[in-house]
Amino acid sequence: MARSSLMQRRSRGRCLALIILAGLLHWSSHIVASFVGVFRLALPLASLQPPPHADATGRETSVPLDAAVATERQTSVLLDAEAADPGRWVRRKLPLVRIDMPDDFADKFKNVHWIWQHAYQRFQCWKLALPDQAGAISDADLPRAWELFYDLGAAHHAEVEDELFLPFVRQLDGGDVAVQQLLRGHEELNAKALQVQEALKDGGAAVRAVIAEYAEMYVEHINLEEDLLVPIVLAGMREDLWKDVAPLIKAKSSASPGGKMALCLFRELSTQEVIAPQYRAKLPGIMRRVLIPVFSMIDSQYSAHRRIFGAIPEAV
């Protein structure tokens, strides 16, 4: 009887484990198809080292993460809007997170993932706008870099704003005027993005310059968004309106083509002191400990992002 009872408990335990595993796999239908690449990608990604670089002899050498971050922190960070050459940079420090966020900020500003996205987008824009020099994205990788940043990120980010977040802010005190100004900025960015697409089709030296112009415009725009919208949301938050908008934003973000890559970039940002507690509080443990680490090993978009853009530093 004791042996039979033990066998039954073991059988129930196995069934429960299979049910949990099936649930995790169902959560993301792409995991099974992608999992065949896990061993190919696991070692270079799990080490969280920047991509290899070529030395003077042309041989690939590994650059330690601390050294790579230190180099990037010493590099110029904002495009000079008045410079004749859009590839020039102003030599001043640019933190990836500009907003002063006290401990209770994420409880008051509900859409904190929006600020996280701005943080890694500043890093992406910095890399995209670097002149053709050491540390810059190669000409061969620029089209893929633009796709990762824009097609799989910024374009969807703007859609969520236009369809859901900005209409919500518009209903708050002072929100209408701010939203009108930001929507005009979106139109200008859309026009510049079309120029980038045309330049990519034509090829040539103009591609890097046009992408750099877009990167400058984009950073200026997201800075303005935060300057205008964060005070409005903090001062006039409407829980009755937000409870209807929040699940729509979550659903649209989860369905985005670059959704897994975005989660992996959030994980990189979670090493920053100001974001770490928000990351732990706002994402479920199973996502932080299981799903996102798996995505970081098997997602081809994130793998390409790590290779082309490198690791996200605390500032650029």
C-alpha atoms as a PDB file:
ATOM      1  CA  MET A   1       0.000   0.000   0.000  1.00  0.00           C
ATOM      2  CA  ALA A   2       2.777   2.462   0.903  1.00  0.00           C
ATOM      3  CA  ARG A   3       4.572   1.673  -2.357  1.00  0.00           C
ATOM      4  CA  SER A   4       1.366   2.150  -4.341  1.00  0.00           C
ATOM      5  CA  SER A   5       0.676   5.490  -2.623  1.00  0.00           C
ATOM      6  CA  LEU A   6       4.210   6.658  -3.374  1.00  0.00           C
ATOM      7  CA  MET A   7       3.852   5.721  -7.032  1.00  0.00           C
ATOM      8  CA  GLN A   8       0.575   7.631  -7.252  1.00  0.00           C
ATOM      9  CA  ARG A   9       2.135  10.757  -5.733  1.00  0.00           C
ATOM     10  CA  ARG A  10       5.046  10.567  -8.175  1.00  0.00           C
ATOM     11  CA  SER A  11       2.636  10.138 -11.068  1.00  0.00           C
ATOM     12  CA  ARG A  12       0.612  13.181  -9.979  1.00  0.00           C
ATOM     13  CA  GLY A  13       3.830  15.167  -9.617  1.00  0.00           C
ATOM     14  CA  ARG A  14       4.882  14.294 -13.159  1.00  0.00           C
ATOM     15  CA  CYS A  15       1.452  15.255 -14.499  1.00  0.00           C
ATOM     16  CA  LEU A  16       1.576  18.576 -12.694  1.00  0.00           C
ATOM     17  CA  ALA A  17       5.039  19.308 -14.086  1.00  0.00           C
ATOM     18  CA  LEU A  18       3.854  18.499 -17.615  1.00  0.00           C
ATOM     19  CA  ILE A  19       0.825  20.776 -17.209  1.00  0.00           C
ATOM     20  CA  ILE A  20       3.039  23.679 -16.049  1.00  0.00           C
ATOM     21  CA  LEU A  21       5.445  23.096 -18.945  1.00  0.00           C
ATOM     22  CA  ALA A  22       2.571  22.980 -21.428  1.00  0.00           C
ATOM     23  CA  GLY A  23       1.243  26.233 -20.028  1.00  0.00           C
ATOM     24  CA  LEU A  24       4.593  27.948 -20.471  1.00  0.00           C
ATOM     25  CA  LEU A  25       4.896  26.717 -24.032  1.00  0.00           C
ATOM     26  CA  HIS A  26       1.349  27.805 -24.824  1.00  0.00           C
ATOM     27  CA  TRP A  27       2.156  31.291 -23.480  1.00  0.00           C
ATOM     28  CA  SER A  28       4.471  31.763 -26.435  1.00  0.00           C
ATOM     29  CA  SER A  29       3.766  29.678 -29.525  1.00  0.00           C
ATOM     30  CA  HIS A  30       7.135  30.633 -30.977  1.00  0.00           C
ATOM     31  CA  ILE A  31       9.233  29.074 -28.229  1.00  0.00           C
ATOM     32  CA  VAL A  32       9.009  25.489 -29.544  1.00  0.00           C
ATOM     33  CA  ALA A  33       9.927  26.493 -33.094  1.00  0.00           C
ATOM     34  CA  SER A  34      12.803  28.614 -31.862  1.00  0.00           C
ATOM     35  CA  PHE A  35      14.122  26.268 -29.202  1.00  0.00           C
ATOM     36  CA  VAL A  36      16.235  24.322 -31.690  1.00  0.00           C
ATOM     37  CA  GLY A  37      18.573  27.307 -31.728  1.00  0.00           C
ATOM     38  CA  VAL A  38      18.990  27.561 -27.990  1.00  0.00           C
ATOM     39  CA  PHE A  39      22.311  25.711 -27.803  1.00  0.00           C
ATOM     40  CA  ARG A  40      23.706  27.651 -30.751  1.00  0.00           C
ATOM     41  CA  LEU A  41      22.864  30.997 -29.127  1.00  0.00           C
ATOM     42  CA  ALA A  42      23.092  30.204 -25.439  1.00  0.00           C
ATOM     43  CA  LEU A  43      26.825  30.512 -24.892  1.00  0.00           C
ATOM     44  CA  PRO A  44      27.485  33.874 -26.594  1.00  0.00           C
ATOM     45  CA  LEU A  45      24.360  35.445 -25.132  1.00  0.00           C
ATOM     46  CA  ALA A  46      24.483  34.017 -21.642  1.00  0.00           C
ATOM     47  CA  SER A  47      27.951  35.446 -21.164  1.00  0.00           C
ATOM     48  CA  LEU A  48      26.509  38.925 -21.907  1.00  0.00           C
ATOM     49  CA  GLN A  49      29.757  39.913 -23.597  1.00  0.00           C
ATOM     50  CA  PRO A  50      29.756  42.448 -26.412  1.00  0.00           C
ATOM     51  CA  PRO A  51      30.312  41.062 -29.908  1.00  0.00           C
ATOM     52  CA  PRO A  52      33.881  40.203 -30.912  1.00  0.00           C
ATOM     53  CA  HIS A  53      36.035  42.887 -32.488  1.00  0.00           C
ATOM     54  CA  ALA A  54      38.857  42.545 -34.964  1.00  0.00           C
ATOM     55  CA  ASP A  55      42.373  43.455 -33.887  1.00  0.00           C
ATOM     56  CA  ALA A  56      45.034  45.017 -36.117  1.00  0.00           C
ATOM     57  CA  THR A  57      45.738  41.651 -37.764  1.00  0.00           C
ATOM     58  CA  GLY A  58      42.078  41.097 -38.582  1.00  0.00           C
ATOM     59  CA  ARG A  59      41.618  38.382 -35.962  1.00  0.00           C
ATOM     60  CA  GLU A  60      38.523  38.551 -33.781  1.00  0.00           C
ATOM     61  CA  THR A  61      39.168  39.385 -30.153  1.00  0.00           C
ATOM     62  CA  SER A  62      36.748  39.480 -27.255  1.00  0.00           C
ATOM     63  CA  VAL A  63      36.315  42.817 -25.480  1.00  0.00           C
ATOM     64  CA  PRO A  64      35.431  42.531 -21.754  1.00  0.00           C
ATOM     65  CA  LEU A  65      32.030  44.006 -20.926  1.00  0.00           C
ATOM     66  CA  ASP A  66      33.458  46.497 -18.405  1.00  0.00           C
ATOM     67  CA  ALA A  67      35.919  47.814 -20.974  1.00  0.00           C
ATOM     68  CA  ALA A  68      33.238  48.093 -23.648  1.00  0.00           C
ATOM     69  CA  VAL A  69      30.890  49.994 -21.353  1.00  0.00           C
ATOM     70  CA  ALA A  70      33.691  52.284 -20.189  1.00  0.00           C
ATOM     71  CA  THR A  71      34.572  53.086 -23.807  1.00  0.00           C
ATOM     72  CA  GLU A  72      30.958  53.818 -24.695  1.00  0.00           C
ATOM     73  CA  ARG A  73      30.502  56.038 -21.636  1.00  0.00           C
ATOM     74  CA  GLN A  74      33.420  58.187 -22.794  1.00  0.00           C
ATOM     75  CA  THR A  75      31.968  58.630 -26.279  1.00  0.00           C
ATOM     76  CA  SER A  76      29.958  61.646 -27.370  1.00  0.00           C
ATOM     77  CA  VAL A  77      26.233  61.270 -26.983  1.00  0.00           C
ATOM     78  CA  LEU A  78      23.964  63.890 -28.561  1.00  0.00           C
ATOM     79  CA  LEU A  79      23.947  65.115 -32.105  1.00  0.00           C
ATOM     80  CA  ASP A  80      24.691  68.809 -32.535  1.00  0.00           C
ATOM     81  CA  ALA A  81      21.540  70.196 -34.134  1.00  0.00           C
ATOM     82  CA  GLU A  82      23.406  73.296 -35.355  1.00  0.00           C
ATOM     83  CA  ALA A  83      26.309  71.408 -36.924  1.00  0.00           C
ATOM     84  CA  ALA A  84      26.524  71.295 -40.691  1.00  0.00           C
ATOM     85  CA  ASP A  85      27.456  67.615 -40.469  1.00  0.00           C
ATOM     86  CA  PRO A  86      24.596  65.693 -38.807  1.00  0.00           C
ATOM     87  CA  GLY A  87      27.124  63.064 -37.695  1.00  0.00           C
ATOM     88  CA  ARG A  88      28.887  65.406 -35.257  1.00  0.00           C
ATOM     89  CA  TRP A  89      28.233  65.008 -31.553  1.00  0.00           C
ATOM     90  CA  VAL A  90      28.020  67.288 -28.571  1.00  0.00           C
ATOM     91  CA  ARG A  91      30.525  66.126 -25.961  1.00  0.00           C
ATOM     92  CA  ARG A  92      28.293  65.896 -22.926  1.00  0.00           C
ATOM     93  CA  LYS A  93      26.890  63.120 -20.781  1.00  0.00           C
ATOM     94  CA  LEU A  94      23.488  61.699 -21.694  1.00  0.00           C
ATOM     95  CA  PRO A  95      21.845  59.443 -19.107  1.00  0.00           C
ATOM     96  CA  LEU A  96      19.517  56.892 -20.616  1.00  0.00           C
ATOM     97  CA  VAL A  97      16.899  57.692 -17.940  1.00  0.00           C
ATOM     98  CA  ARG A  98      16.210  61.426 -17.645  1.00  0.00           C
ATOM     99  CA  ILE A  99      13.193  61.366 -15.327  1.00  0.00           C
ATOM    100  CA  ASP A 100      13.641  61.693 -11.580  1.00  0.00           C
ATOM    101  CA  MET A 101      11.933  58.535 -10.358  1.00  0.00           C
ATOM    102  CA  PRO A 102      11.523  58.154  -6.589  1.00  0.00           C
ATOM    103  CA  ASP A 103      10.637  54.793  -5.075  1.00  0.00           C
ATOM    104  CA  ASP A 104       6.890  55.226  -5.608  1.00  0.00           C
ATOM    105  CA  PHE A 105       7.158  56.616  -9.152  1.00  0.00           C
ATOM    106  CA  ALA A 106       6.003  53.443 -10.911  1.00  0.00           C
ATOM    107  CA  ASP A 107       2.927  53.303  -8.668  1.00  0.00           C
ATOM    108  CA  LYS A 108       1.926  56.821  -9.701  1.00  0.00           C
ATOM    109  CA  PHE A 109       3.057  56.824 -13.328  1.00  0.00           C
ATOM    110  CA  LYS A 110       1.434  53.591 -14.438  1.00  0.00           C
ATOM    111  CA  ASN A 111       2.987  53.414 -17.901  1.00  0.00           C
ATOM    112  CA  VAL A 112       6.563  53.038 -16.676  1.00  0.00           C
ATOM    113  CA  HIS A 113       7.412  50.561 -19.478  1.00  0.00           C
ATOM    114  CA  TRP A 114       7.085  53.549 -21.834  1.00  0.00           C
ATOM    115  CA  ILE A 115       9.988  55.224 -20.032  1.00  0.00           C
ATOM    116  CA  TRP A 116      12.025  52.006 -20.150  1.00  0.00           C
ATOM    117  CA  GLN A 117      11.522  51.916 -23.921  1.00  0.00           C
ATOM    118  CA  HIS A 118      12.751  55.504 -24.209  1.00  0.00           C
ATOM    119  CA  ALA A 119      15.860  54.518 -22.238  1.00  0.00           C
ATOM    120  CA  TYR A 120      17.017  51.807 -24.624  1.00  0.00           C
ATOM    121  CA  GLN A 121      15.906  53.877 -27.643  1.00  0.00           C
ATOM    122  CA  ARG A 122      18.325  56.627 -26.595  1.00  0.00           C
ATOM    123  CA  PHE A 123      21.095  54.043 -26.666  1.00  0.00           C
ATOM    124  CA  GLN A 124      19.959  52.773 -30.082  1.00  0.00           C
ATOM    125  CA  CYS A 125      19.847  56.304 -31.511  1.00  0.00           C
ATOM    126  CA  TRP A 126      23.300  57.059 -30.153  1.00  0.00           C
ATOM    127  CA  LYS A 127      24.706  53.997 -31.905  1.00  0.00           C
ATOM    128  CA  LEU A 128      22.805  54.699 -35.125  1.00  0.00           C
ATOM    129  CA  ALA A 129      24.106  58.262 -35.330  1.00  0.00           C
ATOM    130  CA  LEU A 130      27.759  57.568 -34.606  1.00  0.00           C
ATOM    131  CA  PRO A 131      29.940  58.620 -37.546  1.00  0.00           C
ATOM    132  CA  ASP A 132      31.724  55.942 -39.533  1.00  0.00           C
ATOM    133  CA  GLN A 133      34.506  55.326 -37.026  1.00  0.00           C
ATOM    134  CA  ALA A 134      35.553  52.898 -34.336  1.00  0.00           C
ATOM    135  CA  GLY A 135      32.486  51.801 -32.370  1.00  0.00           C
ATOM    136  CA  ALA A 136      30.024  52.761 -35.110  1.00  0.00           C
ATOM    137  CA  ILE A 137      27.617  50.330 -36.735  1.00  0.00           C
ATOM    138  CA  SER A 138      29.102  49.045 -39.982  1.00  0.00           C
ATOM    139  CA  ASP A 139      27.650  50.065 -43.341  1.00  0.00           C
ATOM    140  CA  ALA A 140      26.697  46.452 -43.964  1.00  0.00           C
ATOM    141  CA  ASP A 141      24.734  46.276 -40.704  1.00  0.00           C
ATOM    142  CA  LEU A 142      22.959  49.652 -40.981  1.00  0.00           C
ATOM    143  CA  PRO A 143      19.853  48.308 -42.786  1.00  0.00           C
ATOM    144  CA  ARG A 144      19.371  45.553 -40.204  1.00  0.00           C
ATOM    145  CA  ALA A 145      20.074  48.018 -37.372  1.00  0.00           C
ATOM    146  CA  TRP A 146      17.384  50.345 -38.711  1.00  0.00           C
ATOM    147  CA  GLU A 147      14.940  47.435 -38.948  1.00  0.00           C
ATOM    148  CA  LEU A 148      15.607  46.402 -35.343  1.00  0.00           C
ATOM    149  CA  PHE A 149      15.252  49.962 -34.078  1.00  0.00           C
ATOM    150  CA  TYR A 150      12.418  51.262 -36.253  1.00  0.00           C
ATOM    151  CA  ASP A 151      10.392  48.476 -37.888  1.00  0.00           C
ATOM    152  CA  LEU A 152      10.498  46.238 -34.799  1.00  0.00           C
ATOM    153  CA  GLY A 153      10.503  48.997 -32.181  1.00  0.00           C
ATOM    154  CA  ALA A 154       9.945  52.710 -32.710  1.00  0.00           C
ATOM    155  CA  ALA A 155       7.156  52.337 -35.281  1.00  0.00           C
ATOM    156  CA  HIS A 156       5.113  50.118 -32.964  1.00  0.00           C
ATOM    157  CA  HIS A 157       5.949  52.354 -29.996  1.00  0.00           C
ATOM    158  CA  ALA A 158       4.411  55.294 -31.881  1.00  0.00           C
ATOM    159  CA  GLU A 159       1.322  53.253 -32.769  1.00  0.00           C
ATOM    160  CA  VAL A 160       0.684  52.466 -29.111  1.00  0.00           C
ATOM    161  CA  GLU A 161       1.048  56.155 -28.299  1.00  0.00           C
ATOM    162  CA  ASP A 162      -1.224  57.355 -31.110  1.00  0.00           C
ATOM    163  CA  GLU A 163      -3.950  54.758 -30.568  1.00  0.00           C
ATOM    164  CA  LEU A 164      -3.970  54.352 -26.787  1.00  0.00           C
ATOM    165  CA  PHE A 165      -1.609  56.360 -24.577  1.00  0.00           C
ATOM    166  CA  LEU A 166      -2.015  59.839 -26.085  1.00  0.00           C
ATOM    167  CA  PRO A 167      -5.843  59.604 -26.247  1.00  0.00           C
ATOM    168  CA  PHE A 168      -5.721  58.706 -22.549  1.00  0.00           C
ATOM    169  CA  VAL A 169      -3.476  61.685 -21.727  1.00  0.00           C
ATOM    170  CA  ARG A 170      -5.717  63.945 -23.815  1.00  0.00           C
ATOM    171  CA  GLN A 171      -8.502  63.419 -21.281  1.00  0.00           C
ATOM    172  CA  LEU A 172      -6.353  64.663 -18.386  1.00  0.00           C
ATOM    173  CA  ASP A 173      -6.035  68.303 -17.341  1.00  0.00           C
ATOM    174  CA  GLY A 174      -3.629  70.046 -19.709  1.00  0.00           C
ATOM    175  CA  GLY A 175      -3.274  66.973 -21.877  1.00  0.00           C
ATOM    176  CA  ASP A 176      -4.938  68.177 -25.062  1.00  0.00           C
ATOM    177  CA  VAL A 177      -2.437  70.929 -25.900  1.00  0.00           C
ATOM    178  CA  ALA A 178       0.539  68.678 -25.157  1.00  0.00           C
ATOM    179  CA  VAL A 179      -0.833  65.842 -27.266  1.00  0.00           C
ATOM    180  CA  GLN A 180      -1.459  68.129 -30.239  1.00  0.00           C
ATOM    181  CA  GLN A 181       2.168  69.251 -30.137  1.00  0.00           C
ATOM    182  CA  LEU A 182       3.455  65.690 -29.895  1.00  0.00           C
ATOM    183  CA  LEU A 183       1.278  64.461 -32.753  1.00  0.00           C
ATOM    184  CA  ARG A 184       2.834  67.122 -34.988  1.00  0.00           C
ATOM    185  CA  GLY A 185       6.201  65.717 -33.951  1.00  0.00           C
ATOM    186  CA  HIS A 186       5.051  62.238 -34.961  1.00  0.00           C
ATOM    187  CA  GLU A 187       4.160  63.537 -38.417  1.00  0.00           C
ATOM    188  CA  GLU A 188       7.628  65.051 -38.801  1.00  0.00           C
ATOM    189  CA  LEU A 189       9.261  61.801 -37.674  1.00  0.00           C
ATOM    190  CA  ASN A 190       7.130  59.801 -40.120  1.00  0.00           C
ATOM    191  CA  ALA A 191       8.256  62.052 -42.969  1.00  0.00           C
ATOM    192  CA  LYS A 192      11.910  61.653 -41.974  1.00  0.00           C
ATOM    193  CA  ALA A 193      11.472  57.860 -41.680  1.00  0.00           C
ATOM    194  CA  LEU A 194      10.284  57.796 -45.305  1.00  0.00           C
ATOM    195  CA  GLN A 195      13.500  59.588 -46.261  1.00  0.00           C
ATOM    196  CA  VAL A 196      15.479  56.916 -44.442  1.00  0.00           C
ATOM    197  CA  GLN A 197      13.607  54.159 -46.280  1.00  0.00           C
ATOM    198  CA  GLU A 198      14.315  55.806 -49.633  1.00  0.00           C
ATOM    199  CA  ALA A 199      17.985  56.252 -48.745  1.00  0.00           C
ATOM    200  CA  LEU A 200      18.232  52.575 -47.785  1.00  0.00           C
ATOM    201  CA  LYS A 201      16.773  51.593 -51.157  1.00  0.00           C
ATOM    202  CA  ASP A 202      19.226  53.813 -53.034  1.00  0.00           C
ATOM    203  CA  GLY A 203      22.226  52.893 -50.872  1.00  0.00           C
ATOM    204  CA  GLY A 204      25.400  54.920 -50.835  1.00  0.00           C
ATOM    205  CA  ALA A 205      27.001  57.297 -48.350  1.00  0.00           C
ATOM    206  CA  ALA A 206      23.775  59.245 -47.737  1.00  0.00           C
ATOM    207  CA  VAL A 207      22.243  56.427 -45.691  1.00  0.00           C
ATOM    208  CA  ARG A 208      24.287  57.030 -42.552  1.00  0.00           C
ATOM    209  CA  ALA A 209      23.695  60.800 -42.634  1.00  0.00           C
ATOM    210  CA  VAL A 210      19.897  60.482 -43.013  1.00  0.00           C
ATOM    211  CA  ILE A 211      19.697  57.874 -40.235  1.00  0.00           C
ATOM    212  CA  ALA A 212      21.753  60.183 -38.013  1.00  0.00           C
ATOM    213  CA  GLU A 213      19.303  63.024 -38.703  1.00  0.00           C
ATOM    214  CA  TYR A 214      16.409  60.789 -37.735  1.00  0.00           C
ATOM    215  CA  ALA A 215      18.183  59.653 -34.566  1.00  0.00           C
ATOM    216  CA  GLU A 216      18.689  63.260 -33.488  1.00  0.00           C
ATOM    217  CA  MET A 217      15.037  64.120 -34.160  1.00  0.00           C
ATOM    218  CA  TYR A 218      13.848  61.028 -32.324  1.00  0.00           C
ATOM    219  CA  VAL A 219      15.858  61.670 -29.163  1.00  0.00           C
ATOM    220  CA  GLU A 220      14.674  65.280 -29.083  1.00  0.00           C
ATOM    221  CA  HIS A 221      11.088  64.081 -29.500  1.00  0.00           C
ATOM    222  CA  ILE A 222      11.086  61.448 -26.749  1.00  0.00           C
ATOM    223  CA  ASN A 223      12.744  63.956 -24.420  1.00  0.00           C
ATOM    224  CA  LEU A 224       9.916  66.383 -25.159  1.00  0.00           C
ATOM    225  CA  GLU A 225       7.334  63.639 -24.628  1.00  0.00           C
ATOM    226  CA  GLU A 226       8.639  62.979 -21.137  1.00  0.00           C
ATOM    227  CA  ASP A 227       8.937  66.686 -20.306  1.00  0.00           C
ATOM    228  CA  LEU A 228       5.310  67.290 -21.317  1.00  0.00           C
ATOM    229  CA  LEU A 229       3.488  64.090 -20.383  1.00  0.00           C
ATOM    230  CA  VAL A 230       5.049  62.887 -17.128  1.00  0.00           C
ATOM    231  CA  PRO A 231       3.971  65.983 -15.115  1.00  0.00           C
ATOM    232  CA  ILE A 232       0.464  65.838 -16.632  1.00  0.00           C
ATOM    233  CA  VAL A 233       0.001  62.163 -15.780  1.00  0.00           C
ATOM    234  CA  LEU A 234       1.424  62.511 -12.269  1.00  0.00           C
ATOM    235  CA  ALA A 235      -0.737  65.546 -11.498  1.00  0.00           C
ATOM    236  CA  GLY A 236      -3.997  64.343 -12.989  1.00  0.00           C
ATOM    237  CA  MET A 237      -3.945  60.532 -13.069  1.00  0.00           C
ATOM    238  CA  ARG A 238      -7.417  59.079 -13.697  1.00  0.00           C
ATOM    239  CA  GLU A 239      -7.606  55.514 -12.419  1.00  0.00           C
ATOM    240  CA  ASP A 240     -11.112  55.103 -13.857  1.00  0.00           C
ATOM    241  CA  LEU A 241      -9.779  55.792 -17.352  1.00  0.00           C
ATOM    242  CA  TRP A 242      -6.458  53.981 -16.972  1.00  0.00           C
ATOM    243  CA  LYS A 243      -8.053  50.666 -15.954  1.00  0.00           C
ATOM    244  CA  ASP A 244      -9.596  50.457 -19.417  1.00  0.00           C
ATOM    245  CA  VAL A 245      -6.504  51.566 -21.340  1.00  0.00           C
ATOM    246  CA  ALA A 246      -3.854  49.526 -19.497  1.00  0.00           C
ATOM    247  CA  PRO A 247      -4.931  46.053 -20.697  1.00  0.00           C
ATOM    248  CA  LEU A 248      -5.164  47.327 -24.282  1.00  0.00           C
ATOM    249  CA  ILE A 249      -1.613  48.683 -24.132  1.00  0.00           C
ATOM    250  CA  LYS A 250      -0.403  45.401 -22.643  1.00  0.00           C
ATOM    251  CA  ALA A 251      -2.141  43.321 -25.313  1.00  0.00           C
ATOM    252  CA  LYS A 252      -0.869  45.447 -28.207  1.00  0.00           C
ATOM    253  CA  SER A 253       2.676  45.478 -26.826  1.00  0.00           C
ATOM    254  CA  SER A 254       2.663  41.701 -26.295  1.00  0.00           C
ATOM    255  CA  ALA A 255       1.557  41.161 -29.899  1.00  0.00           C
ATOM    256  CA  SER A 256       4.241  43.375 -31.427  1.00  0.00           C
ATOM    257  CA  PRO A 257       6.765  41.743 -33.802  1.00  0.00           C
ATOM    258  CA  GLY A 258       9.660  42.885 -31.599  1.00  0.00           C
ATOM    259  CA  GLY A 259       7.969  42.124 -28.282  1.00  0.00           C
ATOM    260  CA  LYS A 260      10.435  39.460 -27.095  1.00  0.00           C
ATOM    261  CA  MET A 261      13.411  41.622 -28.026  1.00  0.00           C
ATOM    262  CA  ALA A 262      11.909  44.501 -26.015  1.00  0.00           C
ATOM    263  CA  LEU A 263      11.592  42.261 -22.949  1.00  0.00           C
ATOM    264  CA  CYS A 264      15.233  41.229 -23.311  1.00  0.00           C
ATOM    265  CA  LEU A 265      16.258  44.889 -23.521  1.00  0.00           C
ATOM    266  CA  PHE A 266      14.232  45.588 -20.366  1.00  0.00           C
ATOM    267  CA  ARG A 267      16.288  42.848 -18.722  1.00  0.00           C
ATOM    268  CA  GLU A 268      19.511  44.611 -19.731  1.00  0.00           C
ATOM    269  CA  LEU A 269      18.173  47.885 -18.321  1.00  0.00           C
ATOM    270  CA  SER A 270      17.312  46.156 -15.036  1.00  0.00           C
ATOM    271  CA  THR A 271      20.972  46.343 -14.032  1.00  0.00           C
ATOM    272  CA  GLN A 272      20.540  50.105 -13.612  1.00  0.00           C
ATOM    273  CA  GLU A 273      19.857  51.175 -10.057  1.00  0.00           C
ATOM    274  CA  VAL A 274      16.789  53.285 -10.844  1.00  0.00           C
ATOM    275  CA  ILE A 275      15.094  50.631 -12.999  1.00  0.00           C
ATOM    276  CA  ALA A 276      15.990  47.479 -11.037  1.00  0.00           C
ATOM    277  CA  PRO A 277      13.254  47.784  -8.362  1.00  0.00           C
ATOM    278  CA  GLN A 278      10.647  48.726 -10.979  1.00  0.00           C
ATOM    279  CA  TYR A 279      11.615  45.710 -13.084  1.00  0.00           C
ATOM    280  CA  ARG A 280      11.183  43.394 -10.109  1.00  0.00           C
ATOM    281  CA  ALA A 281       7.864  44.976  -9.117  1.00  0.00           C
ATOM    282  CA  LYS A 282       6.220  45.326 -12.518  1.00  0.00           C
ATOM    283  CA  LEU A 283       7.076  42.028 -14.207  1.00  0.00           C
ATOM    284  CA  PRO A 284       5.927  38.660 -12.820  1.00  0.00           C
ATOM    285  CA  GLY A 285       8.609  36.428 -11.386  1.00  0.00           C
ATOM    286  CA  ILE A 286       8.039  33.693 -13.971  1.00  0.00           C
ATOM    287  CA  MET A 287       8.757  36.212 -16.726  1.00  0.00           C
ATOM    288  CA  ARG A 288      11.883  37.602 -15.042  1.00  0.00           C
ATOM    289  CA  ARG A 289      13.339  34.243 -13.991  1.00  0.00           C
ATOM    290  CA  VAL A 290      12.193  31.894 -16.774  1.00  0.00           C
ATOM    291  CA  LEU A 291      10.640  33.351 -19.898  1.00  0.00           C
ATOM    292  CA  ILE A 292      12.810  36.416 -20.531  1.00  0.00           C
ATOM    293  CA  PRO A 293      16.107  34.526 -19.917  1.00  0.00           C
ATOM    294  CA  VAL A 294      14.886  31.904 -22.405  1.00  0.00           C
ATOM    295  CA  PHE A 295      13.961  34.605 -24.924  1.00  0.00           C
ATOM    296  CA  SER A 296      17.437  36.108 -24.511  1.00  0.00           C
ATOM    297  CA  MET A 297      18.908  32.803 -25.655  1.00  0.00           C
ATOM    298  CA  ILE A 298      16.571  31.879 -28.521  1.00  0.00           C
ATOM    299  CA  ASP A 299      15.168  35.115 -29.985  1.00  0.00           C
ATOM    300  CA  SER A 300      16.894  35.852 -33.300  1.00  0.00           C
ATOM    301  CA  GLN A 301      16.035  39.564 -33.176  1.00  0.00           C
ATOM    302  CA  TYR A 302      17.667  40.006 -29.785  1.00  0.00           C
ATOM    303  CA  SER A 303      20.676  37.999 -30.950  1.00  0.00           C
ATOM    304  CA  ALA A 304      21.080  40.381 -33.902  1.00  0.00           C
ATOM    305  CA  HIS A 305      20.596  43.382 -31.614  1.00  0.00           C
ATOM    306  CA  ARG A 306      23.368  42.213 -29.280  1.00  0.00           C
ATOM    307  CA  ARG A 307      25.703  41.650 -32.198  1.00  0.00           C
ATOM    308  CA  ILE A 308      25.044  44.995 -33.916  1.00  0.00           C
ATOM    309  CA  PHE A 309      24.343  47.394 -31.039  1.00  0.00           C
ATOM    310  CA  GLY A 310      26.239  45.708 -28.205  1.00  0.00           C
ATOM    311  CA  ALA A 311      25.397  45.892 -24.508  1.00  0.00           C
ATOM    312  CA  ILE A 312      23.371  48.747 -23.043  1.00  0.00           C
ATOM    313  CA  PRO A 313      25.507  50.900 -20.691  1.00  0.00           C
ATOM    314  CA  GLU A 314      24.177  53.113 -17.910  1.00  0.00           C
ATOM    315  CA  ALA A 315      24.783  56.225 -19.989  1.00  0.00           C
ATOM    316  CA  VAL A 316      26.189  57.145 -23.370  1.00  0.00           C
END
